[in-house]
Structure formats: structure tokens, C-alpha cells
């Protein structure tokens, strides 16, 4: 087999493999996300602080969970105001909402 024929054979094999790698995975039904949608909104937050692996105090604040446009990612903002024992605290997070185990 000549070099040109070998190259043509490799290209003929690689093109279908490349298009298969780019195929879209099956859609996850929206019903799978329904329990996660219940987390959206503003929530009362209760945090326990630890020192030396032992609870050292509690504080309350607010957590706001907001979905991004595709409704598969959630951003959360967590805030606790300062009190006599602890300074103000803010935490932020982002996570996907695809449940585990992920459907196959």
C-alpha cells in the first residue's frame, strides 16, 4: 500500500470517529430536575461554627439560590451578619444540578 493510499484509508476511518465523538448525549428529562428546582429562592440559614473539631457557636443568616439561564447550574450566596461573638460571613458557590448518579 502506498503512502497516499494509507493516508486515504486512515482519513476514511477517522472522519466517522470524529463525528461520533461530537454527538450530543441523550437529553435528561426535565422531571429529573424537579426536586432540585425546589432549592431555588431565599432561605433562612443556620450555621454551626467549629473550633478544634467541636461546635463553638451558632449563627443565622440568609442563603439565596439562583439558577443560571439553562436551569442546570445554581449559584448560591450565603450571608451571616456580625454578632457579638462572630464577624460577618459571606460565602458563594456554584454547582451543576445534574443529579447523581447521572443517568446513562
N, C-alpha and C. Protein backbone atom coordinates (compact mmCIF):
# COMPACT_ATOMS: atom_id res chain seq x y z
N UNK A 1 0.86 -1.17 0.00
CA UNK A 1 0.00 0.00 0.00
C UNK A 1 0.91 1.23 0.00
N UNK A 2 0.61 2.17 -0.87
CA UNK A 2 1.42 3.37 -0.96
C UNK A 2 1.08 4.30 0.19
N UNK A 3 1.95 5.26 0.39
CA UNK A 3 1.72 6.24 1.44
C UNK A 3 0.41 7.01 1.26
N UNK A 4 0.12 7.35 0.01
CA UNK A 4 -1.11 8.10 -0.29
C UNK A 4 -2.35 7.25 -0.02
N UNK A 5 -2.31 5.98 -0.38
CA UNK A 5 -3.43 5.08 -0.15
C UNK A 5 -3.63 4.85 1.35
N UNK A 6 -2.54 4.74 2.09
CA UNK A 6 -2.63 4.55 3.54
C UNK A 6 -3.23 5.79 4.20
N UNK A 7 -2.82 6.95 3.77
CA UNK A 7 -3.37 8.20 4.30
C UNK A 7 -4.87 8.29 4.03
N UNK A 8 -5.29 7.94 2.83
CA UNK A 8 -6.71 7.96 2.47
C UNK A 8 -7.51 6.99 3.34
N UNK A 9 -6.92 5.81 3.58
CA UNK A 9 -7.60 4.81 4.42
C UNK A 9 -7.74 5.31 5.85
N UNK A 10 -6.71 5.95 6.38
CA UNK A 10 -6.77 6.49 7.75
C UNK A 10 -7.80 7.60 7.86
N UNK A 11 -7.84 8.48 6.88
CA UNK A 11 -8.81 9.57 6.88
C UNK A 11 -10.22 9.00 6.82
N UNK A 12 -10.43 7.98 6.00
CA UNK A 12 -11.75 7.36 5.86
C UNK A 12 -12.22 6.76 7.18
N UNK A 13 -11.29 6.26 7.98
CA UNK A 13 -11.63 5.69 9.29
C UNK A 13 -11.83 6.78 10.34
N UNK A 14 -11.03 7.82 10.30
CA UNK A 14 -11.05 8.86 11.33
C UNK A 14 -12.27 9.78 11.24
N UNK A 15 -12.77 10.07 10.05
CA UNK A 15 -13.90 11.01 9.90
C UNK A 15 -15.13 10.51 10.66
N UNK A 16 -15.55 9.25 10.51
CA UNK A 16 -16.72 8.79 11.28
C UNK A 16 -16.46 8.81 12.78
N UNK A 17 -15.23 8.51 13.20
CA UNK A 17 -14.91 8.54 14.63
C UNK A 17 -15.01 9.95 15.18
N UNK A 18 -14.54 10.92 14.43
CA UNK A 18 -14.60 12.31 14.88
C UNK A 18 -16.03 12.78 15.01
N UNK A 19 -16.88 12.43 14.08
CA UNK A 19 -18.28 12.87 14.17
C UNK A 19 -18.99 12.14 15.30
N UNK A 20 -18.64 10.91 15.58
CA UNK A 20 -19.26 10.18 16.70
C UNK A 20 -18.86 10.80 18.03
N UNK A 21 -17.62 11.28 18.14
CA UNK A 21 -17.16 11.91 19.38
C UNK A 21 -17.88 13.22 19.64
N UNK A 22 -18.40 13.87 18.60
CA UNK A 22 -19.07 15.15 18.76
C UNK A 22 -20.58 15.00 18.92
N UNK A 23 -21.09 13.78 18.92
CA UNK A 23 -22.54 13.61 19.01
C UNK A 23 -23.03 14.07 20.37
N UNK A 24 -24.25 14.55 20.41
CA UNK A 24 -24.85 15.07 21.63
C UNK A 24 -25.36 13.92 22.48
N UNK A 25 -25.07 13.95 23.80
CA UNK A 25 -25.59 12.89 24.67
C UNK A 25 -27.11 13.00 24.77
N UNK A 26 -27.78 11.92 25.13
CA UNK A 26 -29.23 11.98 25.23
C UNK A 26 -29.66 13.02 26.27
N UNK A 27 -30.76 13.69 26.01
CA UNK A 27 -31.26 14.72 26.91
C UNK A 27 -31.77 14.09 28.21
N UNK A 28 -31.54 14.78 29.30
CA UNK A 28 -32.05 14.34 30.59
C UNK A 28 -33.45 14.92 30.74
N UNK A 29 -34.44 14.11 31.05
CA UNK A 29 -35.81 14.63 31.18
C UNK A 29 -35.90 15.71 32.25
N UNK A 30 -36.69 16.74 32.00
CA UNK A 30 -36.84 17.84 32.96
C UNK A 30 -37.35 17.35 34.31
N UNK A 31 -38.12 16.26 34.32
CA UNK A 31 -38.66 15.75 35.59
C UNK A 31 -37.54 15.35 36.56
N UNK A 32 -36.37 15.02 36.03
CA UNK A 32 -35.23 14.66 36.88
C UNK A 32 -34.79 15.86 37.71
N UNK A 33 -34.96 17.06 37.16
CA UNK A 33 -34.52 18.27 37.85
C UNK A 33 -35.54 18.81 38.84
N UNK A 34 -36.77 18.34 38.79
CA UNK A 34 -37.85 18.91 39.60
C UNK A 34 -37.50 19.06 41.08
N UNK A 35 -36.95 18.05 41.76
CA UNK A 35 -36.62 18.24 43.18
C UNK A 35 -35.57 19.33 43.40
N UNK A 36 -34.66 19.48 42.44
CA UNK A 36 -33.62 20.48 42.60
C UNK A 36 -34.16 21.89 42.42
N UNK A 37 -35.20 22.04 41.59
CA UNK A 37 -35.81 23.35 41.39
C UNK A 37 -36.40 23.89 42.69
N UNK A 38 -36.75 23.00 43.60
CA UNK A 38 -37.32 23.44 44.88
C UNK A 38 -36.29 24.17 45.74
N UNK A 39 -35.01 24.04 45.42
CA UNK A 39 -33.96 24.72 46.19
C UNK A 39 -33.81 26.19 45.80
N UNK A 40 -34.39 26.58 44.67
CA UNK A 40 -34.26 27.96 44.22
C UNK A 40 -35.02 28.88 45.17
N UNK A 41 -34.46 30.04 45.43
CA UNK A 41 -35.14 31.03 46.26
C UNK A 41 -34.29 31.48 47.43
N UNK A 42 -34.95 32.13 48.37
CA UNK A 42 -34.28 32.68 49.56
C UNK A 42 -34.64 31.82 50.76
N UNK A 43 -33.61 31.45 51.50
CA UNK A 43 -33.79 30.53 52.62
C UNK A 43 -33.16 31.10 53.90
N UNK A 44 -33.77 30.78 55.03
CA UNK A 44 -33.13 31.06 56.31
C UNK A 44 -31.97 30.07 56.45
N UNK A 45 -30.84 30.56 56.90
CA UNK A 45 -29.66 29.71 57.05
C UNK A 45 -29.26 29.62 58.51
N UNK A 46 -28.80 28.47 58.91
CA UNK A 46 -28.36 28.23 60.28
C UNK A 46 -26.99 27.58 60.18
N UNK A 47 -25.97 28.22 60.71
CA UNK A 47 -24.60 27.70 60.60
C UNK A 47 -24.04 27.40 61.98
N UNK A 48 -23.31 26.30 62.06
CA UNK A 48 -22.61 25.94 63.29
C UNK A 48 -21.12 26.13 63.04
N UNK A 49 -20.45 26.87 63.91
CA UNK A 49 -19.01 27.09 63.80
C UNK A 49 -18.29 26.07 64.67
N UNK A 50 -17.10 25.67 64.23
CA UNK A 50 -16.33 24.66 64.96
C UNK A 50 -14.95 25.19 65.30
N UNK A 51 -14.48 24.75 66.46
CA UNK A 51 -13.11 25.06 66.89
C UNK A 51 -12.56 23.78 67.50
N UNK A 52 -11.41 23.34 67.04
CA UNK A 52 -10.83 22.07 67.49
C UNK A 52 -11.80 20.91 67.34
N UNK A 53 -12.49 20.89 66.21
CA UNK A 53 -13.46 19.84 65.87
C UNK A 53 -14.64 19.75 66.83
N UNK A 54 -14.90 20.82 67.56
CA UNK A 54 -16.05 20.86 68.47
C UNK A 54 -16.88 22.10 68.17
N UNK A 55 -18.20 21.97 68.23
CA UNK A 55 -19.05 23.15 67.99
C UNK A 55 -18.68 24.28 68.95
N UNK A 56 -18.51 25.49 68.40
CA UNK A 56 -18.13 26.62 69.25
C UNK A 56 -19.16 27.75 69.18
N UNK A 57 -20.18 27.59 68.38
CA UNK A 57 -21.21 28.63 68.31
C UNK A 57 -22.11 28.46 67.10
N UNK A 58 -23.19 29.21 67.11
CA UNK A 58 -24.16 29.17 66.01
C UNK A 58 -24.47 30.58 65.57
N UNK A 59 -24.86 30.69 64.32
CA UNK A 59 -25.30 31.98 63.78
C UNK A 59 -26.35 31.71 62.72
N UNK A 60 -27.21 32.69 62.51
CA UNK A 60 -28.23 32.55 61.47
C UNK A 60 -28.04 33.65 60.44
N UNK A 61 -28.47 33.36 59.22
CA UNK A 61 -28.34 34.31 58.14
C UNK A 61 -29.30 33.95 57.03
N UNK A 62 -28.90 34.25 55.80
CA UNK A 62 -29.76 34.04 54.63
C UNK A 62 -28.93 33.42 53.52
N UNK A 63 -29.54 32.47 52.81
CA UNK A 63 -28.92 31.91 51.61
C UNK A 63 -29.88 32.13 50.46
N UNK A 64 -29.35 32.64 49.34
CA UNK A 64 -30.14 32.87 48.13
C UNK A 64 -29.60 31.96 47.03
N UNK A 65 -30.45 31.09 46.53
CA UNK A 65 -30.10 30.16 45.45
C UNK A 65 -30.75 30.64 44.16
N UNK A 66 -29.94 30.83 43.13
CA UNK A 66 -30.43 31.34 41.85
C UNK A 66 -29.92 30.45 40.72
N UNK A 67 -30.83 30.01 39.85
CA UNK A 67 -30.42 29.22 38.68
C UNK A 67 -29.89 30.15 37.60
N UNK A 68 -28.89 29.66 36.86
CA UNK A 68 -28.44 30.34 35.66
C UNK A 68 -29.45 30.06 34.55
N UNK A 69 -29.27 30.67 33.42
CA UNK A 69 -30.26 30.65 32.33
C UNK A 69 -30.69 29.24 31.92
N UNK A 70 -29.77 28.28 31.87
CA UNK A 70 -30.15 26.95 31.39
C UNK A 70 -30.81 26.08 32.45
N UNK A 71 -30.92 26.60 33.66
CA UNK A 71 -31.54 25.90 34.79
C UNK A 71 -30.81 24.61 35.19
N UNK A 72 -29.58 24.46 34.77
CA UNK A 72 -28.81 23.29 35.17
C UNK A 72 -27.62 23.66 36.05
N UNK A 73 -27.45 24.93 36.31
CA UNK A 73 -26.40 25.42 37.22
C UNK A 73 -27.04 26.37 38.22
N UNK A 74 -26.64 26.24 39.47
CA UNK A 74 -27.18 27.09 40.52
C UNK A 74 -26.04 27.86 41.19
N UNK A 75 -26.28 29.13 41.43
CA UNK A 75 -25.35 29.97 42.18
C UNK A 75 -25.98 30.22 43.54
N UNK A 76 -25.19 30.09 44.60
CA UNK A 76 -25.75 30.42 45.91
C UNK A 76 -24.88 31.45 46.61
N UNK A 77 -25.56 32.36 47.29
CA UNK A 77 -24.92 33.40 48.10
C UNK A 77 -25.40 33.21 49.53
N UNK A 78 -24.46 33.11 50.44
CA UNK A 78 -24.73 32.82 51.85
C UNK A 78 -24.19 33.97 52.68
N UNK A 79 -25.03 34.57 53.50
CA UNK A 79 -24.60 35.71 54.32
C UNK A 79 -25.07 35.57 55.75
N UNK A 80 -24.15 35.84 56.66
CA UNK A 80 -24.46 35.88 58.08
C UNK A 80 -23.96 37.23 58.60
N UNK A 81 -24.84 38.02 59.23
CA UNK A 81 -24.38 39.30 59.77
C UNK A 81 -23.50 39.08 61.00
N UNK A 82 -22.70 40.07 61.31
CA UNK A 82 -21.85 40.00 62.50
C UNK A 82 -22.74 39.95 63.74
N UNK A 83 -22.25 39.26 64.75
CA UNK A 83 -22.93 39.28 66.05
C UNK A 83 -21.87 39.51 67.12
N UNK A 84 -22.21 39.45 68.35
CA UNK A 84 -21.24 39.73 69.42
C UNK A 84 -20.06 38.78 69.47
N UNK A 85 -20.23 37.58 68.93
CA UNK A 85 -19.18 36.57 69.03
C UNK A 85 -18.43 36.34 67.72
N UNK A 86 -19.11 36.53 66.57
CA UNK A 86 -18.51 36.23 65.27
C UNK A 86 -18.61 37.42 64.32
N UNK A 87 -17.60 37.60 63.46
CA UNK A 87 -17.70 38.66 62.44
C UNK A 87 -18.68 38.25 61.34
N UNK A 88 -19.02 39.19 60.48
CA UNK A 88 -19.89 38.89 59.34
C UNK A 88 -19.21 37.84 58.46
N UNK A 89 -20.03 37.04 57.81
CA UNK A 89 -19.51 35.99 56.93
C UNK A 89 -20.30 36.00 55.63
N UNK A 90 -19.58 35.81 54.51
CA UNK A 90 -20.21 35.65 53.21
C UNK A 90 -19.55 34.48 52.51
N UNK A 91 -20.38 33.67 51.88
CA UNK A 91 -19.87 32.55 51.09
C UNK A 91 -20.63 32.47 49.79
N UNK A 92 -19.97 32.03 48.75
CA UNK A 92 -20.58 31.95 47.42
C UNK A 92 -20.23 30.60 46.81
N UNK A 93 -21.15 30.05 46.08
CA UNK A 93 -20.88 28.76 45.46
C UNK A 93 -21.61 28.62 44.14
N UNK A 94 -21.18 27.66 43.36
CA UNK A 94 -21.82 27.37 42.08
C UNK A 94 -21.71 25.87 41.87
N UNK A 95 -22.78 25.26 41.44
CA UNK A 95 -22.73 23.84 41.19
C UNK A 95 -23.72 23.44 40.13
N UNK A 96 -23.43 22.31 39.48
CA UNK A 96 -24.39 21.85 38.49
C UNK A 96 -25.51 21.13 39.23
N UNK A 97 -26.63 21.02 38.57
CA UNK A 97 -27.79 20.41 39.20
C UNK A 97 -28.11 19.06 38.60
N UNK A 98 -27.15 18.48 37.88
CA UNK A 98 -27.38 17.16 37.32
C UNK A 98 -27.27 16.16 38.48
N UNK A 99 -28.35 15.46 38.77
CA UNK A 99 -28.35 14.59 39.94
C UNK A 99 -27.39 13.40 39.80
N UNK A 100 -26.95 12.90 40.93
CA UNK A 100 -26.08 11.72 40.94
C UNK A 100 -26.89 10.56 41.48
N UNK A 101 -26.75 9.36 41.01
CA UNK A 101 -25.90 9.06 39.86
C UNK A 101 -26.51 9.63 38.59
N UNK A 102 -25.64 10.04 37.70
CA UNK A 102 -26.11 10.64 36.44
C UNK A 102 -26.72 9.58 35.55
N UNK A 103 -27.85 9.91 34.94
CA UNK A 103 -28.46 8.94 34.01
C UNK A 103 -27.51 8.60 32.87
N UNK A 104 -27.56 7.37 32.43
CA UNK A 104 -26.69 6.96 31.32
C UNK A 104 -27.52 6.69 30.08
